[in-house]
Amino acid sequence: MAGSVNKVILIGNLGSDPEVRYLESGSAVAKFNIATTESYTNKSGERVDNTEWHRIELWEGLAKVAEKYLKKGNQVYIEGRIRTDSWTDKEGQQRTGVTIRANSMTLLGGPAGSNSGGDNSNQGYSQPSAPRANQAPRSPDPIPPSMASGSDDDDLPF
C-alpha cells in the first residue's frame, strides 16, 4: 500500500463565533467549534441524540472568510485533516487535543431550523472557499468531486 490518507469531512453548526487572530507575520488564524449530531432510536424506542464537538482551525484566506461570514449557529461544510497537538497548561499538566485543520469550507446557511419569519432569501446561500495557491476555485457545491463527476457506480467497493 502506497502512502496514507488523513481526511475529514464534517457538516455541523458553529457553537460560537470564530476567534480570529493575526500573527506578527500577518497570517490570519481562525478557530471555532462545530457540533455534529447523530440521532438513533434505542432498544426502548426512545430517540437518542449523540453530539460530538470538533475544534476547527482555518488559516489565511479561509480564516478571513470565516471572520467575515461565520456566526454562531451557522451550518458549515468542512474538509480538512486531523492534527493532534500536545502542550503544557498553566498548571504544568501535559495536555493533548485534536484539531481539524480545514483546507476547504462552505457556508451552508444559517442555524438549523432558523425560520425567523422574516426574509428567507439567505437560505441555501453558499460561500465558496478561498482558493489555495495553484488551485482552481471550487464550486460551492459540497459534493466531493469524485461523486459529482458522474463516475460509474461499479467502482464502489460495496
N, C-alpha and C. Protein backbone atom coordinates (compact mmCIF):
# COMPACT_ATOMS: atom_id res chain seq x y z
N MET A 1 0.84 -1.17 0.00
CA MET A 1 0.00 0.00 0.00
C MET A 1 0.89 1.24 0.00
N ALA A 2 0.65 2.13 -0.91
CA ALA A 2 1.45 3.33 -1.02
C ALA A 2 0.79 4.48 -0.27
N GLY A 3 1.52 5.07 0.68
CA GLY A 3 1.05 6.27 1.37
C GLY A 3 -0.07 6.01 2.35
N SER A 4 -0.71 7.08 2.75
CA SER A 4 -1.81 7.01 3.69
C SER A 4 -2.71 8.22 3.46
N VAL A 5 -3.87 8.22 4.11
CA VAL A 5 -4.84 9.29 3.93
C VAL A 5 -5.26 9.82 5.30
N ASN A 6 -5.27 11.13 5.44
CA ASN A 6 -5.76 11.80 6.64
C ASN A 6 -6.75 12.85 6.15
N LYS A 7 -8.03 12.49 6.05
CA LYS A 7 -9.04 13.39 5.52
C LYS A 7 -10.30 13.31 6.37
N VAL A 8 -10.84 14.46 6.69
CA VAL A 8 -12.05 14.58 7.49
C VAL A 8 -13.06 15.41 6.72
N ILE A 9 -14.31 14.98 6.71
CA ILE A 9 -15.41 15.75 6.14
C ILE A 9 -16.47 15.88 7.22
N LEU A 10 -16.83 17.11 7.54
CA LEU A 10 -17.82 17.37 8.58
C LEU A 10 -18.87 18.36 8.07
N ILE A 11 -20.10 18.18 8.48
CA ILE A 11 -21.15 19.18 8.33
C ILE A 11 -21.72 19.37 9.72
N GLY A 12 -21.63 20.60 10.22
CA GLY A 12 -22.11 20.86 11.57
C GLY A 12 -22.42 22.32 11.76
N ASN A 13 -22.80 22.65 12.99
CA ASN A 13 -23.17 24.02 13.34
C ASN A 13 -22.17 24.62 14.31
N LEU A 14 -21.82 25.89 14.08
CA LEU A 14 -20.88 26.59 14.94
C LEU A 14 -21.46 26.77 16.33
N GLY A 15 -20.62 26.48 17.34
CA GLY A 15 -21.04 26.66 18.73
C GLY A 15 -20.83 28.08 19.22
N SER A 16 -20.00 28.85 18.51
CA SER A 16 -19.75 30.25 18.85
C SER A 16 -19.16 30.94 17.64
N ASP A 17 -19.08 32.25 17.69
CA ASP A 17 -18.43 32.99 16.61
C ASP A 17 -16.96 32.59 16.53
N PRO A 18 -16.36 32.60 15.34
CA PRO A 18 -14.94 32.26 15.23
C PRO A 18 -14.06 33.24 16.01
N GLU A 19 -12.99 32.72 16.60
CA GLU A 19 -11.97 33.56 17.22
C GLU A 19 -10.87 33.73 16.18
N VAL A 20 -10.65 34.96 15.72
CA VAL A 20 -9.66 35.22 14.68
C VAL A 20 -8.55 36.07 15.26
N ARG A 21 -7.32 35.66 14.98
CA ARG A 21 -6.17 36.47 15.39
C ARG A 21 -5.19 36.55 14.24
N TYR A 22 -4.38 37.57 14.28
CA TYR A 22 -3.38 37.79 13.24
C TYR A 22 -2.00 37.67 13.86
N LEU A 23 -1.15 36.85 13.26
CA LEU A 23 0.21 36.67 13.73
C LEU A 23 1.06 37.86 13.31
N GLU A 24 2.24 37.99 13.91
CA GLU A 24 3.13 39.10 13.56
C GLU A 24 3.46 39.11 12.07
N SER A 25 3.48 37.94 11.46
CA SER A 25 3.77 37.83 10.03
C SER A 25 2.61 38.32 9.17
N GLY A 26 1.45 38.56 9.79
CA GLY A 26 0.27 38.99 9.05
C GLY A 26 -0.67 37.84 8.73
N SER A 27 -0.27 36.61 9.02
CA SER A 27 -1.12 35.45 8.76
C SER A 27 -2.34 35.46 9.68
N ALA A 28 -3.49 35.15 9.10
CA ALA A 28 -4.73 35.06 9.88
C ALA A 28 -4.98 33.62 10.28
N VAL A 29 -5.46 33.44 11.53
CA VAL A 29 -5.82 32.12 12.05
C VAL A 29 -7.20 32.25 12.70
N ALA A 30 -8.12 31.39 12.29
CA ALA A 30 -9.46 31.37 12.88
C ALA A 30 -9.66 30.03 13.57
N LYS A 31 -10.27 30.06 14.75
CA LYS A 31 -10.59 28.83 15.48
C LYS A 31 -12.02 28.92 15.95
N PHE A 32 -12.71 27.77 15.86
CA PHE A 32 -14.08 27.68 16.35
C PHE A 32 -14.43 26.20 16.50
N ASN A 33 -15.52 25.95 17.20
CA ASN A 33 -16.02 24.58 17.38
C ASN A 33 -17.28 24.40 16.57
N ILE A 34 -17.43 23.19 16.01
CA ILE A 34 -18.71 22.84 15.39
C ILE A 34 -19.23 21.57 16.04
N ALA A 35 -20.55 21.47 16.07
CA ALA A 35 -21.22 20.31 16.63
C ALA A 35 -21.81 19.47 15.50
N THR A 36 -21.59 18.17 15.58
CA THR A 36 -22.26 17.23 14.69
C THR A 36 -23.12 16.33 15.58
N THR A 37 -24.33 16.02 15.13
CA THR A 37 -25.24 15.23 15.95
C THR A 37 -25.71 14.01 15.18
N GLU A 38 -25.57 12.87 15.81
CA GLU A 38 -26.06 11.59 15.28
C GLU A 38 -27.30 11.22 16.08
N SER A 39 -28.38 10.88 15.39
CA SER A 39 -29.62 10.50 16.06
C SER A 39 -29.95 9.05 15.74
N TYR A 40 -30.44 8.35 16.75
CA TYR A 40 -30.86 6.98 16.55
C TYR A 40 -31.94 6.64 17.58
N THR A 41 -32.61 5.52 17.36
CA THR A 41 -33.63 5.05 18.29
C THR A 41 -33.05 3.86 19.06
N ASN A 42 -33.08 3.94 20.38
CA ASN A 42 -32.53 2.86 21.20
C ASN A 42 -33.52 1.70 21.30
N LYS A 43 -33.14 0.65 22.04
CA LYS A 43 -33.97 -0.55 22.16
C LYS A 43 -35.33 -0.27 22.79
N SER A 44 -35.39 0.80 23.60
CA SER A 44 -36.65 1.16 24.26
C SER A 44 -37.55 1.98 23.36
N GLY A 45 -37.09 2.28 22.15
CA GLY A 45 -37.88 3.08 21.23
C GLY A 45 -37.73 4.57 21.42
N GLU A 46 -36.80 4.99 22.30
CA GLU A 46 -36.58 6.42 22.54
C GLU A 46 -35.55 6.96 21.56
N ARG A 47 -35.78 8.17 21.11
CA ARG A 47 -34.83 8.83 20.23
C ARG A 47 -33.66 9.35 21.07
N VAL A 48 -32.44 9.05 20.61
CA VAL A 48 -31.24 9.46 21.31
C VAL A 48 -30.40 10.32 20.37
N ASP A 49 -29.97 11.47 20.85
CA ASP A 49 -29.08 12.35 20.08
C ASP A 49 -27.70 12.30 20.71
N ASN A 50 -26.69 12.02 19.90
CA ASN A 50 -25.30 11.99 20.36
C ASN A 50 -24.55 13.11 19.64
N THR A 51 -24.15 14.13 20.38
CA THR A 51 -23.47 15.28 19.80
C THR A 51 -21.97 15.21 20.07
N GLU A 52 -21.19 15.40 19.02
CA GLU A 52 -19.73 15.47 19.11
C GLU A 52 -19.31 16.89 18.78
N TRP A 53 -18.32 17.40 19.49
CA TRP A 53 -17.76 18.73 19.23
C TRP A 53 -16.40 18.58 18.58
N HIS A 54 -16.15 19.38 17.56
CA HIS A 54 -14.91 19.33 16.79
C HIS A 54 -14.28 20.73 16.77
N ARG A 55 -13.00 20.80 17.12
CA ARG A 55 -12.26 22.07 17.09
C ARG A 55 -11.72 22.26 15.69
N ILE A 56 -12.08 23.36 15.04
CA ILE A 56 -11.69 23.65 13.66
C ILE A 56 -10.69 24.79 13.66
N GLU A 57 -9.68 24.67 12.79
CA GLU A 57 -8.67 25.71 12.63
C GLU A 57 -8.55 26.04 11.14
N LEU A 58 -8.65 27.33 10.83
CA LEU A 58 -8.53 27.81 9.45
C LEU A 58 -7.37 28.80 9.37
N TRP A 59 -6.68 28.83 8.23
CA TRP A 59 -5.54 29.73 8.04
C TRP A 59 -5.75 30.61 6.82
N GLU A 60 -5.10 31.76 6.84
CA GLU A 60 -5.00 32.70 5.72
C GLU A 60 -6.37 33.09 5.17
N GLY A 61 -6.60 32.87 3.87
CA GLY A 61 -7.83 33.31 3.22
C GLY A 61 -9.08 32.71 3.83
N LEU A 62 -9.02 31.43 4.18
CA LEU A 62 -10.19 30.81 4.81
C LEU A 62 -10.49 31.44 6.16
N ALA A 63 -9.47 31.82 6.90
CA ALA A 63 -9.66 32.47 8.20
C ALA A 63 -10.36 33.81 8.01
N LYS A 64 -9.97 34.54 6.96
CA LYS A 64 -10.59 35.84 6.69
C LYS A 64 -12.04 35.69 6.25
N VAL A 65 -12.34 34.63 5.48
CA VAL A 65 -13.73 34.35 5.08
C VAL A 65 -14.55 34.02 6.33
N ALA A 66 -13.98 33.21 7.22
CA ALA A 66 -14.68 32.85 8.46
C ALA A 66 -14.97 34.09 9.30
N GLU A 67 -13.98 34.97 9.41
CA GLU A 67 -14.15 36.20 10.19
C GLU A 67 -15.30 37.05 9.65
N LYS A 68 -15.42 37.08 8.34
CA LYS A 68 -16.42 37.93 7.70
C LYS A 68 -17.82 37.32 7.67
N TYR A 69 -17.91 35.99 7.47
CA TYR A 69 -19.21 35.39 7.20
C TYR A 69 -19.74 34.44 8.27
N LEU A 70 -18.90 33.84 9.08
CA LEU A 70 -19.38 32.82 10.02
C LEU A 70 -19.84 33.43 11.33
N LYS A 71 -20.95 32.92 11.83
CA LYS A 71 -21.52 33.34 13.11
C LYS A 71 -22.02 32.10 13.85
N LYS A 72 -22.15 32.24 15.15
CA LYS A 72 -22.69 31.15 15.97
C LYS A 72 -23.99 30.63 15.36
N GLY A 73 -24.10 29.30 15.27
CA GLY A 73 -25.30 28.67 14.75
C GLY A 73 -25.25 28.35 13.26
N ASN A 74 -24.36 29.03 12.49
CA ASN A 74 -24.26 28.75 11.06
C ASN A 74 -23.94 27.29 10.82
N GLN A 75 -24.53 26.74 9.78
CA GLN A 75 -24.18 25.38 9.35
C GLN A 75 -23.06 25.51 8.32
N VAL A 76 -22.03 24.67 8.47
CA VAL A 76 -20.85 24.77 7.61
C VAL A 76 -20.37 23.38 7.22
N TYR A 77 -19.85 23.30 6.00
CA TYR A 77 -19.23 22.08 5.48
C TYR A 77 -17.73 22.28 5.55
N ILE A 78 -17.03 21.34 6.16
CA ILE A 78 -15.58 21.44 6.37
C ILE A 78 -14.89 20.21 5.80
N GLU A 79 -13.81 20.43 5.08
CA GLU A 79 -12.91 19.35 4.69
C GLU A 79 -11.54 19.70 5.25
N GLY A 80 -10.84 18.73 5.78
CA GLY A 80 -9.53 19.00 6.32
C GLY A 80 -8.84 17.73 6.77
N ARG A 81 -7.89 17.89 7.69
CA ARG A 81 -7.16 16.75 8.22
C ARG A 81 -7.06 16.86 9.73
N ILE A 82 -6.89 15.71 10.37
CA ILE A 82 -6.78 15.65 11.82
C ILE A 82 -5.36 15.97 12.24
N ARG A 83 -5.25 16.81 13.26
CA ARG A 83 -3.95 17.13 13.86
C ARG A 83 -4.07 16.92 15.36
N THR A 84 -3.10 16.23 15.92
CA THR A 84 -3.05 16.03 17.37
C THR A 84 -1.96 16.94 17.92
N ASP A 85 -2.34 17.79 18.86
CA ASP A 85 -1.40 18.74 19.45
C ASP A 85 -1.17 18.40 20.92
N SER A 86 0.04 18.61 21.38
CA SER A 86 0.37 18.44 22.80
C SER A 86 0.95 19.74 23.33
N TRP A 87 0.62 20.08 24.59
CA TRP A 87 1.13 21.29 25.21
C TRP A 87 1.09 21.13 26.72
N THR A 88 1.76 22.03 27.40
CA THR A 88 1.74 22.06 28.85
C THR A 88 0.88 23.25 29.28
N ASP A 89 -0.12 22.98 30.11
CA ASP A 89 -1.04 24.05 30.53
C ASP A 89 -0.42 24.90 31.64
N LYS A 90 -1.18 25.89 32.11
CA LYS A 90 -0.68 26.83 33.12
C LYS A 90 -0.31 26.15 34.44
N GLU A 91 -0.95 25.02 34.72
CA GLU A 91 -0.66 24.28 35.96
C GLU A 91 0.47 23.28 35.78
N GLY A 92 1.09 23.25 34.58
CA GLY A 92 2.20 22.33 34.32
C GLY A 92 1.77 20.94 33.90
N GLN A 93 0.49 20.75 33.65
CA GLN A 93 -0.03 19.45 33.22
C GLN A 93 0.14 19.28 31.71
N GLN A 94 0.55 18.09 31.29
CA GLN A 94 0.66 17.80 29.87
C GLN A 94 -0.74 17.56 29.30
N ARG A 95 -1.09 18.23 28.23
CA ARG A 95 -2.41 18.13 27.61
C ARG A 95 -2.26 17.71 26.15
N THR A 96 -3.30 17.06 25.65
CA THR A 96 -3.36 16.65 24.25
C THR A 96 -4.74 17.01 23.72
N GLY A 97 -4.80 17.49 22.50
CA GLY A 97 -6.08 17.82 21.89
C GLY A 97 -6.05 17.52 20.41
N VAL A 98 -7.23 17.30 19.86
CA VAL A 98 -7.38 17.02 18.44
C VAL A 98 -8.02 18.22 17.77
N THR A 99 -7.43 18.66 16.68
CA THR A 99 -7.92 19.79 15.90
C THR A 99 -8.10 19.35 14.46
N ILE A 100 -9.12 19.87 13.81
CA ILE A 100 -9.29 19.66 12.38
C ILE A 100 -8.75 20.90 11.68
N ARG A 101 -7.66 20.75 10.93
CA ARG A 101 -7.13 21.87 10.15
C ARG A 101 -7.81 21.83 8.79
N ALA A 102 -8.72 22.76 8.58
CA ALA A 102 -9.54 22.78 7.37
C ALA A 102 -8.76 23.34 6.18
N ASN A 103 -8.98 22.74 5.02
CA ASN A 103 -8.42 23.29 3.79
C ASN A 103 -9.53 23.64 2.81
N SER A 104 -10.78 23.40 3.22
CA SER A 104 -11.93 23.76 2.41
C SER A 104 -13.11 24.01 3.35
N MET A 105 -13.90 25.04 3.03
CA MET A 105 -15.04 25.38 3.86
C MET A 105 -16.14 25.94 2.97
N THR A 106 -17.37 25.53 3.23
CA THR A 106 -18.53 26.08 2.52
C THR A 106 -19.59 26.43 3.54
N LEU A 107 -20.07 27.66 3.51
CA LEU A 107 -21.15 28.09 4.37
C LEU A 107 -22.45 27.56 3.78
N LEU A 108 -23.17 26.75 4.55
CA LEU A 108 -24.38 26.12 4.04
C LEU A 108 -25.64 26.89 4.36
N GLY A 109 -25.61 27.80 5.29
CA GLY A 109 -26.79 28.57 5.63
C GLY A 109 -26.75 28.99 7.08
N GLY A 110 -27.90 29.39 7.57
CA GLY A 110 -28.00 29.86 8.94
C GLY A 110 -28.13 28.72 9.92
N PRO A 111 -28.53 29.02 11.13
CA PRO A 111 -28.68 27.98 12.14
C PRO A 111 -29.73 26.96 11.73
N ALA A 112 -29.57 25.75 12.19
CA ALA A 112 -30.53 24.70 11.89
C ALA A 112 -31.90 25.11 12.41
N GLY A 113 -32.91 24.95 11.56
CA GLY A 113 -34.27 25.26 11.97
C GLY A 113 -34.55 26.73 12.15
N SER A 114 -33.73 27.60 11.59
CA SER A 114 -33.96 29.04 11.79
C SER A 114 -34.90 29.56 10.74
N ASN A 115 -36.11 29.76 11.12
CA ASN A 115 -37.08 30.45 10.30
C ASN A 115 -37.57 31.61 11.13
N SER A 116 -36.92 32.72 10.99
CA SER A 116 -37.22 33.88 11.82
C SER A 116 -38.52 34.55 11.42
N GLY A 117 -39.14 34.04 10.33
CA GLY A 117 -40.38 34.66 9.89
C GLY A 117 -40.11 35.85 9.00
N GLY A 118 -38.88 36.25 8.87
CA GLY A 118 -38.52 37.38 8.02
C GLY A 118 -38.08 36.92 6.66
N ASP A 119 -37.16 37.64 6.08
CA ASP A 119 -36.64 37.35 4.75
C ASP A 119 -35.82 36.07 4.79
N ASN A 120 -36.23 35.06 4.04
CA ASN A 120 -35.52 33.79 3.98
C ASN A 120 -34.66 33.68 2.74
N SER A 121 -34.31 34.78 2.12
CA SER A 121 -33.55 34.73 0.87
C SER A 121 -32.15 34.20 1.06
N ASN A 122 -31.64 34.16 2.29
CA ASN A 122 -30.30 33.63 2.52
C ASN A 122 -30.27 32.12 2.63
N GLN A 123 -31.41 31.46 2.72
CA GLN A 123 -31.40 30.01 2.82
C GLN A 123 -30.77 29.44 1.56
N GLY A 124 -29.84 28.50 1.76
CA GLY A 124 -29.16 27.91 0.64
C GLY A 124 -27.98 28.71 0.14
N TYR A 125 -27.69 29.85 0.73
CA TYR A 125 -26.55 30.67 0.32
C TYR A 125 -25.26 29.91 0.58
N SER A 126 -24.36 29.89 -0.40
CA SER A 126 -23.07 29.22 -0.24
C SER A 126 -21.95 30.22 -0.42
N GLN A 127 -20.97 30.13 0.42
CA GLN A 127 -19.76 30.92 0.30
C GLN A 127 -18.65 29.97 -0.11
N PRO A 128 -18.17 30.04 -1.37
CA PRO A 128 -17.10 29.13 -1.76
C PRO A 128 -15.83 29.41 -0.98
N SER A 129 -15.05 28.35 -0.80
CA SER A 129 -13.79 28.50 -0.08
C SER A 129 -12.81 29.30 -0.91
N ALA A 130 -11.91 29.99 -0.24
CA ALA A 130 -10.87 30.74 -0.93
C ALA A 130 -9.89 29.76 -1.57
N PRO A 131 -9.52 29.98 -2.84
CA PRO A 131 -8.59 29.04 -3.47
C PRO A 131 -7.20 29.15 -2.86
N ARG A 132 -6.55 28.01 -2.74
CA ARG A 132 -5.17 27.98 -2.29
C ARG A 132 -4.28 28.25 -3.49
N ALA A 133 -3.01 28.49 -3.24
CA ALA A 133 -2.06 28.73 -4.32
C ALA A 133 -2.09 27.55 -5.29
N ASN A 134 -2.09 27.85 -6.58
CA ASN A 134 -2.08 26.84 -7.64
C ASN A 134 -3.30 25.93 -7.60
N GLN A 135 -4.43 26.44 -7.13
CA GLN A 135 -5.65 25.65 -7.11
C GLN A 135 -6.77 26.46 -7.74
N ALA A 136 -7.51 25.82 -8.61
CA ALA A 136 -8.65 26.48 -9.24
C ALA A 136 -9.73 26.70 -8.19
N PRO A 137 -10.54 27.77 -8.32
CA PRO A 137 -11.63 28.00 -7.37
C PRO A 137 -12.58 26.82 -7.38
N ARG A 138 -13.10 26.48 -6.20
CA ARG A 138 -14.02 25.35 -6.07
C ARG A 138 -15.45 25.80 -6.25
N SER A 139 -16.26 24.88 -6.70
CA SER A 139 -17.69 25.10 -6.77
C SER A 139 -18.23 25.16 -5.35
N PRO A 140 -19.28 25.96 -5.09
CA PRO A 140 -19.85 25.98 -3.74
C PRO A 140 -20.59 24.70 -3.40
N ASP A 141 -20.76 23.79 -4.34
CA ASP A 141 -21.44 22.53 -4.11
C ASP A 141 -20.61 21.65 -3.20
N PRO A 142 -21.15 21.22 -2.04
CA PRO A 142 -20.35 20.45 -1.10
C PRO A 142 -20.16 18.98 -1.49
N ILE A 143 -20.63 18.55 -2.65
CA ILE A 143 -20.45 17.18 -3.08
C ILE A 143 -19.02 16.99 -3.52
N PRO A 144 -18.31 15.99 -2.97
CA PRO A 144 -16.92 15.76 -3.37
C PRO A 144 -16.83 15.53 -4.87
N PRO A 145 -15.77 16.03 -5.53
CA PRO A 145 -15.63 15.92 -6.98
C PRO A 145 -15.74 14.48 -7.48
N SER A 146 -15.26 13.50 -6.72
CA SER A 146 -15.33 12.11 -7.17
C SER A 146 -16.76 11.63 -7.29
N MET A 147 -17.68 12.21 -6.51
CA MET A 147 -19.08 11.80 -6.59
C MET A 147 -19.83 12.64 -7.61
N ALA A 148 -19.42 13.88 -7.82
CA ALA A 148 -20.12 14.79 -8.70
C ALA A 148 -19.76 14.57 -10.16
N SER A 149 -18.71 13.83 -10.45
CA SER A 149 -18.24 13.69 -11.81
C SER A 149 -19.06 12.73 -12.63
N GLY A 150 -20.05 12.09 -12.03
CA GLY A 150 -20.87 11.14 -12.78
C GLY A 150 -20.13 9.84 -12.99
N SER A 151 -19.18 9.52 -12.11
CA SER A 151 -18.40 8.30 -12.26
C SER A 151 -19.30 7.09 -12.15
N ASP A 152 -18.86 6.00 -12.72
CA ASP A 152 -19.62 4.76 -12.75
C ASP A 152 -19.68 4.16 -11.35
N ASP A 153 -20.89 3.78 -10.89
CA ASP A 153 -21.07 3.21 -9.57
C ASP A 153 -20.39 1.86 -9.42
N ASP A 154 -19.99 1.23 -10.55
CA ASP A 154 -19.33 -0.06 -10.46
C ASP A 154 -17.99 0.03 -9.77
N ASP A 155 -17.42 1.22 -9.61
CA ASP A 155 -16.13 1.39 -8.96
C ASP A 155 -16.25 1.39 -7.44
N LEU A 156 -17.48 1.43 -6.91
CA LEU A 156 -17.67 1.49 -5.47
C LEU A 156 -17.33 0.14 -4.82
N PRO A 157 -16.70 0.17 -3.66
CA PRO A 157 -16.27 -1.08 -3.03
C PRO A 157 -17.39 -1.82 -2.30
N PHE A 158 -18.63 -1.38 -2.40
CA PHE A 158 -19.72 -2.07 -1.70
C PHE A 158 -20.89 -2.29 -2.63
